[in-house]
């Protein structure tokens, strides 16, 4: 059982708590999430298990999408509903049209100052620990990209919105900055992640549902394979001989590919090396642009291959000699 479970994280649990629960439910000790969600937030939290953990560095999670609710008029030290109120300001003179107009300033590439209550580190110490000590340090603004910032419903002082953004964007800070632009302040009262790269809410399962699947022996029904999770990488099919070479850490050449024509890669391009829908390795093209496929180097080899949903095992370490 290797791949990713897309968990619909409940409010009140840390991302680490969710990983611990997945370990307990699945019986797999090797597990980890691909990026934290704040404890009050809900929604998509991909958790890798087994060999899926090796695929985490190669994921394309550059695009995130959230639905959220901000409340105008009150600022908090955490920029969300878990913090302590720092100021209360008048919001009643603000119109829905002003709210919509203010969002236009948060489009495309913008500079965003990370909040003090964040996991970013200063001299090896997470900022949130300093914040809990009542300390505030200067933070440099970072460039993030807002692809979409759409108001979905306005029931002042609450504003429901949807945002599609680059990885590293703090939606809490986005709400706080919008409140400052309106002159009344704001904080986030609800946040739900609906997309994280290739992982979407329609593939997500609750921890209760995962428990039910485990009892029925049907965990694979909720598992996203490493091959599918890395679908943004071009896929090169290996011959049986090429698979043996890859599993032994030997970079494949053109004769190791099940391809009717030479495959041209760009320098630095990363590819999947697969057998059917099963991922054997991730490789990277080396040499000049347009170099033929024999000029690749293996970056990561996946130790044990087997199809997700049963059927014939492709290859295991101890069986490789039979393919020679």
C-alpha atoms as a PDB file:
ATOM      1  CA  UNK A   1       0.000   0.000   0.000  1.00  0.00           C
ATOM      2  CA  UNK A   2       1.946   2.962  -1.366  1.00  0.00           C
ATOM      3  CA  UNK A   3       0.615   6.339  -2.415  1.00  0.00           C
ATOM      4  CA  UNK A   4      -1.463   9.204  -1.066  1.00  0.00           C
ATOM      5  CA  UNK A   5      -4.645   9.401   0.944  1.00  0.00           C
ATOM      6  CA  UNK A   6      -6.406  12.726   0.419  1.00  0.00           C
ATOM      7  CA  UNK A   7      -7.842  13.424   3.848  1.00  0.00           C
ATOM      8  CA  UNK A   8     -10.656  15.894   4.441  1.00  0.00           C
ATOM      9  CA  UNK A   9      -9.078  17.354   7.564  1.00  0.00           C
ATOM     10  CA  UNK A  10     -11.542  18.245  10.306  1.00  0.00           C
ATOM     11  CA  UNK A  11     -11.296  21.467  12.277  1.00  0.00           C
ATOM     12  CA  UNK A  12      -9.421  21.254  15.563  1.00  0.00           C
ATOM     13  CA  UNK A  13      -6.772  18.749  14.479  1.00  0.00           C
ATOM     14  CA  UNK A  14      -3.212  19.616  13.568  1.00  0.00           C
ATOM     15  CA  UNK A  15      -1.762  18.213  10.360  1.00  0.00           C
ATOM     16  CA  UNK A  16       0.551  16.068  12.509  1.00  0.00           C
ATOM     17  CA  UNK A  17      -2.505  14.685  14.337  1.00  0.00           C
ATOM     18  CA  UNK A  18      -3.993  13.644  10.990  1.00  0.00           C
ATOM     19  CA  UNK A  19      -0.787  11.866   9.947  1.00  0.00           C
ATOM     20  CA  UNK A  20      -0.749   9.998  13.270  1.00  0.00           C
ATOM     21  CA  UNK A  21      -4.363   8.948  12.718  1.00  0.00           C
ATOM     22  CA  UNK A  22      -3.581   7.693   9.197  1.00  0.00           C
ATOM     23  CA  UNK A  23      -0.668   5.666  10.557  1.00  0.00           C
ATOM     24  CA  UNK A  24      -2.946   4.105  13.150  1.00  0.00           C
ATOM     25  CA  UNK A  25      -5.787   3.365  10.721  1.00  0.00           C
ATOM     26  CA  UNK A  26      -3.633   1.941   7.924  1.00  0.00           C
ATOM     27  CA  UNK A  27      -0.958   0.267  10.018  1.00  0.00           C
ATOM     28  CA  UNK A  28       1.751   2.000   7.967  1.00  0.00           C
ATOM     29  CA  UNK A  29       4.514   3.600  10.011  1.00  0.00           C
ATOM     30  CA  UNK A  30       6.021   5.432   7.061  1.00  0.00           C
ATOM     31  CA  UNK A  31       3.701   8.395   6.478  1.00  0.00           C
ATOM     32  CA  UNK A  32       3.824  12.165   6.151  1.00  0.00           C
ATOM     33  CA  UNK A  33       1.779  15.105   4.892  1.00  0.00           C
ATOM     34  CA  UNK A  34       2.748  17.285   1.941  1.00  0.00           C
ATOM     35  CA  UNK A  35       2.028  20.668   3.553  1.00  0.00           C
ATOM     36  CA  UNK A  36       0.378  21.838   6.749  1.00  0.00           C
ATOM     37  CA  UNK A  37      -3.103  23.197   7.247  1.00  0.00           C
ATOM     38  CA  UNK A  38      -3.821  25.377  10.269  1.00  0.00           C
ATOM     39  CA  UNK A  39      -5.681  23.509  13.034  1.00  0.00           C
ATOM     40  CA  UNK A  40      -8.879  25.568  12.552  1.00  0.00           C
ATOM     41  CA  UNK A  41      -8.862  24.945   8.776  1.00  0.00           C
ATOM     42  CA  UNK A  42     -10.508  21.998   7.016  1.00  0.00           C
ATOM     43  CA  UNK A  43     -10.242  20.298   3.670  1.00  0.00           C
ATOM     44  CA  UNK A  44      -7.593  18.753   1.466  1.00  0.00           C
ATOM     45  CA  UNK A  45      -4.590  17.363   3.345  1.00  0.00           C
ATOM     46  CA  UNK A  46      -2.643  14.813   1.267  1.00  0.00           C
ATOM     47  CA  UNK A  47      -0.942  12.163   3.414  1.00  0.00           C
ATOM     48  CA  UNK A  48       1.680   9.964   1.778  1.00  0.00           C
ATOM     49  CA  UNK A  49       2.168   6.389   2.969  1.00  0.00           C
ATOM     50  CA  UNK A  50       4.890   3.857   2.186  1.00  0.00           C
ATOM     51  CA  UNK A  51       6.738   4.541  -1.051  1.00  0.00           C
ATOM     52  CA  UNK A  52       4.429   7.499  -1.629  1.00  0.00           C
ATOM     53  CA  UNK A  53       6.616   9.496   0.755  1.00  0.00           C
ATOM     54  CA  UNK A  54       9.420   9.305  -1.818  1.00  0.00           C
ATOM     55  CA  UNK A  55       7.210  11.084  -4.365  1.00  0.00           C
ATOM     56  CA  UNK A  56       6.587  14.163  -2.171  1.00  0.00           C
ATOM     57  CA  UNK A  57       9.600  16.186  -3.456  1.00  0.00           C
ATOM     58  CA  UNK A  58       8.407  15.751  -7.044  1.00  0.00           C
ATOM     59  CA  UNK A  59       4.794  16.832  -6.567  1.00  0.00           C
ATOM     60  CA  UNK A  60       3.512  19.931  -8.307  1.00  0.00           C
ATOM     61  CA  UNK A  61       1.558  21.653  -5.549  1.00  0.00           C
ATOM     62  CA  UNK A  62       2.289  25.133  -6.881  1.00  0.00           C
ATOM     63  CA  UNK A  63      -1.429  25.888  -7.119  1.00  0.00           C
ATOM     64  CA  UNK A  64      -3.743  25.976  -4.105  1.00  0.00           C
ATOM     65  CA  UNK A  65      -7.411  26.855  -3.872  1.00  0.00           C
ATOM     66  CA  UNK A  66      -9.438  27.766  -0.808  1.00  0.00           C
ATOM     67  CA  UNK A  67     -12.863  28.869   0.273  1.00  0.00           C
ATOM     68  CA  UNK A  68     -12.925  31.126   3.278  1.00  0.00           C
ATOM     69  CA  UNK A  69     -14.894  33.571   5.376  1.00  0.00           C
ATOM     70  CA  UNK A  70     -13.440  36.784   6.781  1.00  0.00           C
ATOM     71  CA  UNK A  71     -15.034  39.046   9.368  1.00  0.00           C
ATOM     72  CA  UNK A  72     -14.611  42.785   9.018  1.00  0.00           C
ATOM     73  CA  UNK A  73     -14.093  45.113  11.967  1.00  0.00           C
ATOM     74  CA  UNK A  74     -11.891  42.997  14.240  1.00  0.00           C
ATOM     75  CA  UNK A  75      -8.188  42.203  14.003  1.00  0.00           C
ATOM     76  CA  UNK A  76      -6.468  39.420  15.964  1.00  0.00           C
ATOM     77  CA  UNK A  77      -2.855  38.628  16.754  1.00  0.00           C
ATOM     78  CA  UNK A  78      -3.027  35.449  14.654  1.00  0.00           C
ATOM     79  CA  UNK A  79      -5.084  37.032  11.841  1.00  0.00           C
ATOM     80  CA  UNK A  80      -7.705  34.319  12.396  1.00  0.00           C
ATOM     81  CA  UNK A  81     -10.394  33.248  14.833  1.00  0.00           C
ATOM     82  CA  UNK A  82      -7.984  31.361  17.107  1.00  0.00           C
ATOM     83  CA  UNK A  83      -6.213  34.502  18.254  1.00  0.00           C
ATOM     84  CA  UNK A  84      -6.814  37.338  20.677  1.00  0.00           C
ATOM     85  CA  UNK A  85      -8.573  40.471  19.432  1.00  0.00           C
ATOM     86  CA  UNK A  86      -6.161  43.372  19.049  1.00  0.00           C
ATOM     87  CA  UNK A  87      -8.551  46.038  17.760  1.00  0.00           C
ATOM     88  CA  UNK A  88     -12.234  46.623  17.008  1.00  0.00           C
ATOM     89  CA  UNK A  89     -13.107  49.180  14.343  1.00  0.00           C
ATOM     90  CA  UNK A  90     -16.254  50.398  12.672  1.00  0.00           C
ATOM     91  CA  UNK A  91     -17.316  48.485   9.577  1.00  0.00           C
ATOM     92  CA  UNK A  92     -20.941  49.589   9.135  1.00  0.00           C
ATOM     93  CA  UNK A  93     -20.143  52.319   6.644  1.00  0.00           C
ATOM     94  CA  UNK A  94     -18.592  49.858   4.207  1.00  0.00           C
ATOM     95  CA  UNK A  95     -20.700  48.717   1.262  1.00  0.00           C
ATOM     96  CA  UNK A  96     -20.567  45.386  -0.603  1.00  0.00           C
ATOM     97  CA  UNK A  97     -19.378  47.250  -3.699  1.00  0.00           C
ATOM     98  CA  UNK A  98     -16.425  48.640  -1.733  1.00  0.00           C
ATOM     99  CA  UNK A  99     -15.493  45.138  -0.629  1.00  0.00           C
ATOM    100  CA  UNK A 100     -15.556  43.856  -4.206  1.00  0.00           C
ATOM    101  CA  UNK A 101     -13.566  46.844  -5.423  1.00  0.00           C
ATOM    102  CA  UNK A 102     -10.908  46.313  -2.742  1.00  0.00           C
ATOM    103  CA  UNK A 103     -10.217  42.749  -3.926  1.00  0.00           C
ATOM    104  CA  UNK A 104      -8.914  44.077  -7.262  1.00  0.00           C
ATOM    105  CA  UNK A 105      -5.740  45.214  -5.493  1.00  0.00           C
ATOM    106  CA  UNK A 106      -4.952  41.581  -4.714  1.00  0.00           C
ATOM    107  CA  UNK A 107      -4.507  40.121  -8.158  1.00  0.00           C
ATOM    108  CA  UNK A 108      -1.465  38.739  -9.929  1.00  0.00           C
ATOM    109  CA  UNK A 109       1.928  38.973  -8.248  1.00  0.00           C
ATOM    110  CA  UNK A 110       1.749  40.776  -4.928  1.00  0.00           C
ATOM    111  CA  UNK A 111       4.065  41.276  -1.953  1.00  0.00           C
ATOM    112  CA  UNK A 112       2.927  39.635   1.274  1.00  0.00           C
ATOM    113  CA  UNK A 113       4.490  39.864   4.717  1.00  0.00           C
ATOM    114  CA  UNK A 114       4.290  36.476   6.470  1.00  0.00           C
ATOM    115  CA  UNK A 115       2.413  36.575   9.800  1.00  0.00           C
ATOM    116  CA  UNK A 116       4.231  36.186  13.102  1.00  0.00           C
ATOM    117  CA  UNK A 117       2.068  33.168  13.855  1.00  0.00           C
ATOM    118  CA  UNK A 118       3.625  30.996  11.156  1.00  0.00           C
ATOM    119  CA  UNK A 119       6.061  28.097  10.902  1.00  0.00           C
ATOM    120  CA  UNK A 120       8.720  30.221   9.205  1.00  0.00           C
ATOM    121  CA  UNK A 121      11.941  30.219  11.191  1.00  0.00           C
ATOM    122  CA  UNK A 122      14.224  32.985  12.421  1.00  0.00           C
ATOM    123  CA  UNK A 123      17.641  31.689  13.518  1.00  0.00           C
ATOM    124  CA  UNK A 124      16.168  28.197  13.657  1.00  0.00           C
ATOM    125  CA  UNK A 125      13.204  29.212  15.849  1.00  0.00           C
ATOM    126  CA  UNK A 126       9.649  29.107  14.401  1.00  0.00           C
ATOM    127  CA  UNK A 127       8.079  32.543  14.355  1.00  0.00           C
ATOM    128  CA  UNK A 128       4.987  31.306  16.193  1.00  0.00           C
ATOM    129  CA  UNK A 129       7.127  30.465  19.235  1.00  0.00           C
ATOM    130  CA  UNK A 130       8.474  34.003  19.306  1.00  0.00           C
ATOM    131  CA  UNK A 131       4.941  35.346  18.886  1.00  0.00           C
ATOM    132  CA  UNK A 132       3.737  33.316  21.870  1.00  0.00           C
ATOM    133  CA  UNK A 133       6.489  34.966  23.914  1.00  0.00           C
ATOM    134  CA  UNK A 134       5.074  38.341  22.940  1.00  0.00           C
ATOM    135  CA  UNK A 135       7.977  39.066  20.595  1.00  0.00           C
ATOM    136  CA  UNK A 136       7.700  40.425  17.084  1.00  0.00           C
ATOM    137  CA  UNK A 137      10.540  40.448  14.593  1.00  0.00           C
ATOM    138  CA  UNK A 138      10.850  42.104  11.217  1.00  0.00           C
ATOM    139  CA  UNK A 139       9.825  39.907   8.299  1.00  0.00           C
ATOM    140  CA  UNK A 140      10.659  40.494   4.688  1.00  0.00           C
ATOM    141  CA  UNK A 141       7.789  40.634   2.232  1.00  0.00           C
ATOM    142  CA  UNK A 142       7.615  37.689  -0.174  1.00  0.00           C
ATOM    143  CA  UNK A 143       6.158  37.614  -3.644  1.00  0.00           C
ATOM    144  CA  UNK A 144       3.120  35.385  -4.082  1.00  0.00           C
ATOM    145  CA  UNK A 145       0.676  35.090  -6.936  1.00  0.00           C
ATOM    146  CA  UNK A 146      -3.090  35.426  -6.682  1.00  0.00           C
ATOM    147  CA  UNK A 147      -4.740  33.819  -9.697  1.00  0.00           C
ATOM    148  CA  UNK A 148      -8.295  34.404  -8.457  1.00  0.00           C
ATOM    149  CA  UNK A 149      -9.819  36.335  -5.567  1.00  0.00           C
ATOM    150  CA  UNK A 150     -13.587  36.164  -5.936  1.00  0.00           C
ATOM    151  CA  UNK A 151     -16.245  37.297  -3.485  1.00  0.00           C
ATOM    152  CA  UNK A 152     -18.946  34.617  -3.244  1.00  0.00           C
ATOM    153  CA  UNK A 153     -21.305  36.075  -0.628  1.00  0.00           C
ATOM    154  CA  UNK A 154     -21.471  39.204   1.500  1.00  0.00           C
ATOM    155  CA  UNK A 155     -23.410  39.307   4.749  1.00  0.00           C
ATOM    156  CA  UNK A 156     -21.602  42.099   6.534  1.00  0.00           C
ATOM    157  CA  UNK A 157     -19.520  41.962   8.590  1.00  0.00           C
ATOM    158  CA  UNK A 158     -18.845  38.505   7.101  1.00  0.00           C
ATOM    159  CA  UNK A 159     -17.473  38.058   3.590  1.00  0.00           C
ATOM    160  CA  UNK A 160     -17.272  34.633   1.930  1.00  0.00           C
ATOM    161  CA  UNK A 161     -14.659  34.309  -0.808  1.00  0.00           C
ATOM    162  CA  UNK A 162     -12.717  31.900  -2.985  1.00  0.00           C
ATOM    163  CA  UNK A 163      -9.021  32.294  -3.686  1.00  0.00           C
ATOM    164  CA  UNK A 164      -6.716  30.445  -6.070  1.00  0.00           C
ATOM    165  CA  UNK A 165      -3.098  31.193  -5.295  1.00  0.00           C
ATOM    166  CA  UNK A 166       0.497  30.074  -5.410  1.00  0.00           C
ATOM    167  CA  UNK A 167       2.070  27.885  -2.791  1.00  0.00           C
ATOM    168  CA  UNK A 168       3.301  29.911   0.178  1.00  0.00           C
ATOM    169  CA  UNK A 169       0.362  32.324   0.190  1.00  0.00           C
ATOM    170  CA  UNK A 170      -1.072  33.044   3.631  1.00  0.00           C
ATOM    171  CA  UNK A 171      -4.829  33.386   3.243  1.00  0.00           C
ATOM    172  CA  UNK A 172      -4.977  34.776   6.784  1.00  0.00           C
ATOM    173  CA  UNK A 173      -2.718  37.618   5.704  1.00  0.00           C
ATOM    174  CA  UNK A 174      -4.786  38.150   2.566  1.00  0.00           C
ATOM    175  CA  UNK A 175      -7.906  38.664   4.707  1.00  0.00           C
ATOM    176  CA  UNK A 176      -6.018  40.938   7.105  1.00  0.00           C
ATOM    177  CA  UNK A 177      -4.580  43.031   4.270  1.00  0.00           C
ATOM    178  CA  UNK A 178      -7.996  43.384   2.644  1.00  0.00           C
ATOM    179  CA  UNK A 179      -9.404  44.596   5.953  1.00  0.00           C
ATOM    180  CA  UNK A 180      -6.651  47.197   6.222  1.00  0.00           C
ATOM    181  CA  UNK A 181      -7.358  48.389   2.700  1.00  0.00           C
ATOM    182  CA  UNK A 182     -11.000  48.867   3.685  1.00  0.00           C
ATOM    183  CA  UNK A 183      -9.878  50.751   6.801  1.00  0.00           C
ATOM    184  CA  UNK A 184     -11.709  48.544   9.291  1.00  0.00           C
ATOM    185  CA  UNK A 185      -9.452  45.533   9.727  1.00  0.00           C
ATOM    186  CA  UNK A 186     -10.480  41.896   9.344  1.00  0.00           C
ATOM    187  CA  UNK A 187      -9.629  38.383  10.395  1.00  0.00           C
ATOM    188  CA  UNK A 188     -10.298  34.920   9.024  1.00  0.00           C
ATOM    189  CA  UNK A 189     -13.130  32.963  10.685  1.00  0.00           C
ATOM    190  CA  UNK A 190     -13.236  29.947   8.361  1.00  0.00           C
ATOM    191  CA  UNK A 191     -10.960  28.304   5.825  1.00  0.00           C
ATOM    192  CA  UNK A 192     -11.401  25.204   3.668  1.00  0.00           C
ATOM    193  CA  UNK A 193      -8.783  23.990   1.196  1.00  0.00           C
ATOM    194  CA  UNK A 194     -10.393  22.505  -1.894  1.00  0.00           C
ATOM    195  CA  UNK A 195      -7.346  22.027  -4.137  1.00  0.00           C
ATOM    196  CA  UNK A 196      -3.680  21.335  -3.431  1.00  0.00           C
ATOM    197  CA  UNK A 197      -1.880  20.652  -6.691  1.00  0.00           C
ATOM    198  CA  UNK A 198      -3.173  17.344  -8.098  1.00  0.00           C
ATOM    199  CA  UNK A 199      -5.247  16.607  -4.988  1.00  0.00           C
ATOM    200  CA  UNK A 200      -8.850  17.790  -4.931  1.00  0.00           C
ATOM    201  CA  UNK A 201     -11.697  17.749  -2.450  1.00  0.00           C
ATOM    202  CA  UNK A 202     -13.763  15.336  -4.561  1.00  0.00           C
ATOM    203  CA  UNK A 203     -11.089  12.681  -3.931  1.00  0.00           C
ATOM    204  CA  UNK A 204     -10.905  13.375  -0.203  1.00  0.00           C
ATOM    205  CA  UNK A 205     -12.162  11.058   2.539  1.00  0.00           C
ATOM    206  CA  UNK A 206     -12.809  11.711   6.190  1.00  0.00           C
ATOM    207  CA  UNK A 207     -10.851   9.841   8.850  1.00  0.00           C
ATOM    208  CA  UNK A 208     -14.073   8.015   9.759  1.00  0.00           C
ATOM    209  CA  UNK A 209     -14.484   6.903   6.147  1.00  0.00           C
ATOM    210  CA  UNK A 210     -10.853   5.786   6.042  1.00  0.00           C
ATOM    211  CA  UNK A 211     -11.482   3.719   9.172  1.00  0.00           C
ATOM    212  CA  UNK A 212     -14.500   2.058   7.512  1.00  0.00           C
ATOM    213  CA  UNK A 213     -12.456   1.244   4.408  1.00  0.00           C
ATOM    214  CA  UNK A 214      -9.725  -0.269   6.571  1.00  0.00           C
ATOM    215  CA  UNK A 215     -12.236  -2.520   8.338  1.00  0.00           C
ATOM    216  CA  UNK A 216     -13.519  -3.734   4.967  1.00  0.00           C
ATOM    217  CA  UNK A 217     -10.043  -4.231   3.545  1.00  0.00           C
ATOM    218  CA  UNK A 218     -10.723  -1.632   0.838  1.00  0.00           C
ATOM    219  CA  UNK A 219      -8.150   1.072   1.591  1.00  0.00           C
ATOM    220  CA  UNK A 220      -6.880   0.927  -1.988  1.00  0.00           C
ATOM    221  CA  UNK A 221     -10.180   2.448  -3.100  1.00  0.00           C
ATOM    222  CA  UNK A 222      -9.105   5.768  -1.563  1.00  0.00           C
ATOM    223  CA  UNK A 223      -5.432   5.578  -2.515  1.00  0.00           C
ATOM    224  CA  UNK A 224      -3.912   7.863  -5.152  1.00  0.00           C
ATOM    225  CA  UNK A 225      -0.907   6.113  -6.681  1.00  0.00           C
ATOM    226  CA  UNK A 226       2.503   7.836  -6.952  1.00  0.00           C
ATOM    227  CA  UNK A 227       2.184   7.416 -10.726  1.00  0.00           C
ATOM    228  CA  UNK A 228      -1.077   9.397 -10.766  1.00  0.00           C
ATOM    229  CA  UNK A 229       0.147  11.998  -8.277  1.00  0.00           C
ATOM    230  CA  UNK A 230       3.099  12.791 -10.556  1.00  0.00           C
ATOM    231  CA  UNK A 231       1.000  12.984 -13.721  1.00  0.00           C
ATOM    232  CA  UNK A 232       2.489  16.407 -14.536  1.00  0.00           C
ATOM    233  CA  UNK A 233       5.740  14.612 -15.439  1.00  0.00           C
ATOM    234  CA  UNK A 234       6.096  13.019 -18.859  1.00  0.00           C
ATOM    235  CA  UNK A 235       5.769   9.249 -18.679  1.00  0.00           C
ATOM    236  CA  UNK A 236       8.315   6.903 -20.274  1.00  0.00           C
ATOM    237  CA  UNK A 237       7.499   3.202 -20.342  1.00  0.00           C
ATOM    238  CA  UNK A 238      10.285   0.759 -19.514  1.00  0.00           C
ATOM    239  CA  UNK A 239      10.916  -2.644 -21.044  1.00  0.00           C
ATOM    240  CA  UNK A 240      11.337  -5.540 -18.569  1.00  0.00           C
ATOM    241  CA  UNK A 241      15.110  -5.261 -19.015  1.00  0.00           C
ATOM    242  CA  UNK A 242      14.953  -1.507 -18.490  1.00  0.00           C
ATOM    243  CA  UNK A 243      12.988  -2.045 -15.307  1.00  0.00           C
ATOM    244  CA  UNK A 244      15.653  -4.366 -13.919  1.00  0.00           C
ATOM    245  CA  UNK A 245      18.340  -1.799 -14.717  1.00  0.00           C
ATOM    246  CA  UNK A 246      16.374   1.019 -13.098  1.00  0.00           C
ATOM    247  CA  UNK A 247      15.717  -1.034  -9.965  1.00  0.00           C
ATOM    248  CA  UNK A 248      19.461  -1.637  -9.728  1.00  0.00           C
ATOM    249  CA  UNK A 249      20.141   2.086  -9.933  1.00  0.00           C
ATOM    250  CA  UNK A 250      21.343   2.047 -13.550  1.00  0.00           C
ATOM    251  CA  UNK A 251      20.069   4.845 -15.760  1.00  0.00           C
ATOM    252  CA  UNK A 252      18.131   3.466 -18.753  1.00  0.00           C
ATOM    253  CA  UNK A 253      19.205   4.048 -22.336  1.00  0.00           C
ATOM    254  CA  UNK A 254      17.115   4.186 -25.485  1.00  0.00           C
ATOM    255  CA  UNK A 255      16.960   0.395 -25.790  1.00  0.00           C
ATOM    256  CA  UNK A 256      15.380   0.188 -22.313  1.00  0.00           C
ATOM    257  CA  UNK A 257      12.306   2.146 -23.377  1.00  0.00           C
ATOM    258  CA  UNK A 258       9.145   0.682 -24.795  1.00  0.00           C
ATOM    259  CA  UNK A 259       8.865   3.417 -27.433  1.00  0.00           C
ATOM    260  CA  UNK A 260       8.635   3.133 -31.237  1.00  0.00           C
ATOM    261  CA  UNK A 261      10.610   6.349 -31.770  1.00  0.00           C
ATOM    262  CA  UNK A 262      13.469   8.196 -30.044  1.00  0.00           C
ATOM    263  CA  UNK A 263      12.345  10.319 -27.120  1.00  0.00           C
ATOM    264  CA  UNK A 264      13.753  13.842 -26.906  1.00  0.00           C
ATOM    265  CA  UNK A 265      13.981  15.605 -23.576  1.00  0.00           C
ATOM    266  CA  UNK A 266      14.948  19.088 -22.519  1.00  0.00           C
ATOM    267  CA  UNK A 267      17.864  19.500 -20.193  1.00  0.00           C
ATOM    268  CA  UNK A 268      16.701  19.315 -16.582  1.00  0.00           C
ATOM    269  CA  UNK A 269      13.309  17.861 -17.522  1.00  0.00           C
ATOM    270  CA  UNK A 270      12.054  15.309 -15.035  1.00  0.00           C
ATOM    271  CA  UNK A 271      10.188  12.220 -16.178  1.00  0.00           C
ATOM    272  CA  UNK A 272       8.434   9.190 -14.777  1.00  0.00           C
ATOM    273  CA  UNK A 273       9.895   5.796 -15.628  1.00  0.00           C
ATOM    274  CA  UNK A 274       7.011   3.360 -15.443  1.00  0.00           C
ATOM    275  CA  UNK A 275       5.651  -0.059 -16.229  1.00  0.00           C
ATOM    276  CA  UNK A 276       2.004   0.430 -17.113  1.00  0.00           C
ATOM    277  CA  UNK A 277       0.480   2.600 -14.413  1.00  0.00           C
ATOM    278  CA  UNK A 278       3.143   1.694 -11.868  1.00  0.00           C
ATOM    279  CA  UNK A 279       5.953   4.122 -11.099  1.00  0.00           C
ATOM    280  CA  UNK A 280       9.455   2.650 -11.072  1.00  0.00           C
ATOM    281  CA  UNK A 281      11.592   5.788 -10.811  1.00  0.00           C
ATOM    282  CA  UNK A 282      11.867   9.510 -11.371  1.00  0.00           C
ATOM    283  CA  UNK A 283      14.702  10.599 -13.668  1.00  0.00           C
ATOM    284  CA  UNK A 284      16.148  13.844 -14.972  1.00  0.00           C
ATOM    285  CA  UNK A 285      17.527  14.643 -18.435  1.00  0.00           C
ATOM    286  CA  UNK A 286      21.168  15.700 -18.501  1.00  0.00           C
ATOM    287  CA  UNK A 287      23.295  17.184 -21.267  1.00  0.00           C
ATOM    288  CA  UNK A 288      22.209  19.552 -24.016  1.00  0.00           C
ATOM    289  CA  UNK A 289      18.634  20.534 -24.840  1.00  0.00           C
ATOM    290  CA  UNK A 290      17.040  17.955 -27.094  1.00  0.00           C
ATOM    291  CA  UNK A 291      19.351  15.228 -25.813  1.00  0.00           C
ATOM    292  CA  UNK A 292      18.149  11.708 -26.428  1.00  0.00           C
ATOM    293  CA  UNK A 293      16.681   9.769 -23.584  1.00  0.00           C
ATOM    294  CA  UNK A 294      19.791   7.727 -22.816  1.00  0.00           C
ATOM    295  CA  UNK A 295      21.154  10.875 -21.215  1.00  0.00           C
ATOM    296  CA  UNK A 296      19.151  10.755 -18.018  1.00  0.00           C
ATOM    297  CA  UNK A 297      20.084  10.201 -14.436  1.00  0.00           C
ATOM    298  CA  UNK A 298      17.979   8.479 -11.837  1.00  0.00           C
ATOM    299  CA  UNK A 299      16.836  10.760  -9.029  1.00  0.00           C
ATOM    300  CA  UNK A 300      14.631   8.380  -7.072  1.00  0.00           C
ATOM    301  CA  UNK A 301      13.920   4.681  -7.431  1.00  0.00           C
ATOM    302  CA  UNK A 302      10.818   3.179  -5.870  1.00  0.00           C
ATOM    303  CA  UNK A 303      11.743  -0.016  -4.081  1.00  0.00           C
ATOM    304  CA  UNK A 304       8.736  -2.224  -4.563  1.00  0.00           C
ATOM    305  CA  UNK A 305       6.299  -2.244  -7.439  1.00  0.00           C
ATOM    306  CA  UNK A 306       2.804  -3.601  -7.504  1.00  0.00           C
ATOM    307  CA  UNK A 307      -0.472  -2.436  -9.068  1.00  0.00           C
ATOM    308  CA  UNK A 308      -2.861  -0.493  -6.855  1.00  0.00           C
ATOM    309  CA  UNK A 309      -5.957  -2.541  -7.349  1.00  0.00           C
ATOM    310  CA  UNK A 310      -4.715  -6.093  -7.333  1.00  0.00           C
ATOM    311  CA  UNK A 311      -3.716  -8.195 -10.314  1.00  0.00           C
ATOM    312  CA  UNK A 312      -0.313  -9.515 -11.297  1.00  0.00           C
ATOM    313  CA  UNK A 313       2.670  -8.142  -9.415  1.00  0.00           C
ATOM    314  CA  UNK A 314       5.022  -6.413 -11.823  1.00  0.00           C
ATOM    315  CA  UNK A 315       8.297  -6.904  -9.978  1.00  0.00           C
ATOM    316  CA  UNK A 316       9.678  -7.124  -6.476  1.00  0.00           C
ATOM    317  CA  UNK A 317      13.275  -6.839  -5.386  1.00  0.00           C
ATOM    318  CA  UNK A 318      13.738 -10.568  -4.877  1.00  0.00           C
ATOM    319  CA  UNK A 319      12.180 -11.430  -8.252  1.00  0.00           C
ATOM    320  CA  UNK A 320      14.311  -9.194 -10.465  1.00  0.00           C
ATOM    321  CA  UNK A 321      16.700 -11.934 -11.468  1.00  0.00           C
ATOM    322  CA  UNK A 322      13.854 -13.751 -13.246  1.00  0.00           C
ATOM    323  CA  UNK A 323      13.645 -10.901 -15.742  1.00  0.00           C
ATOM    324  CA  UNK A 324      17.300 -11.030 -16.770  1.00  0.00           C
END
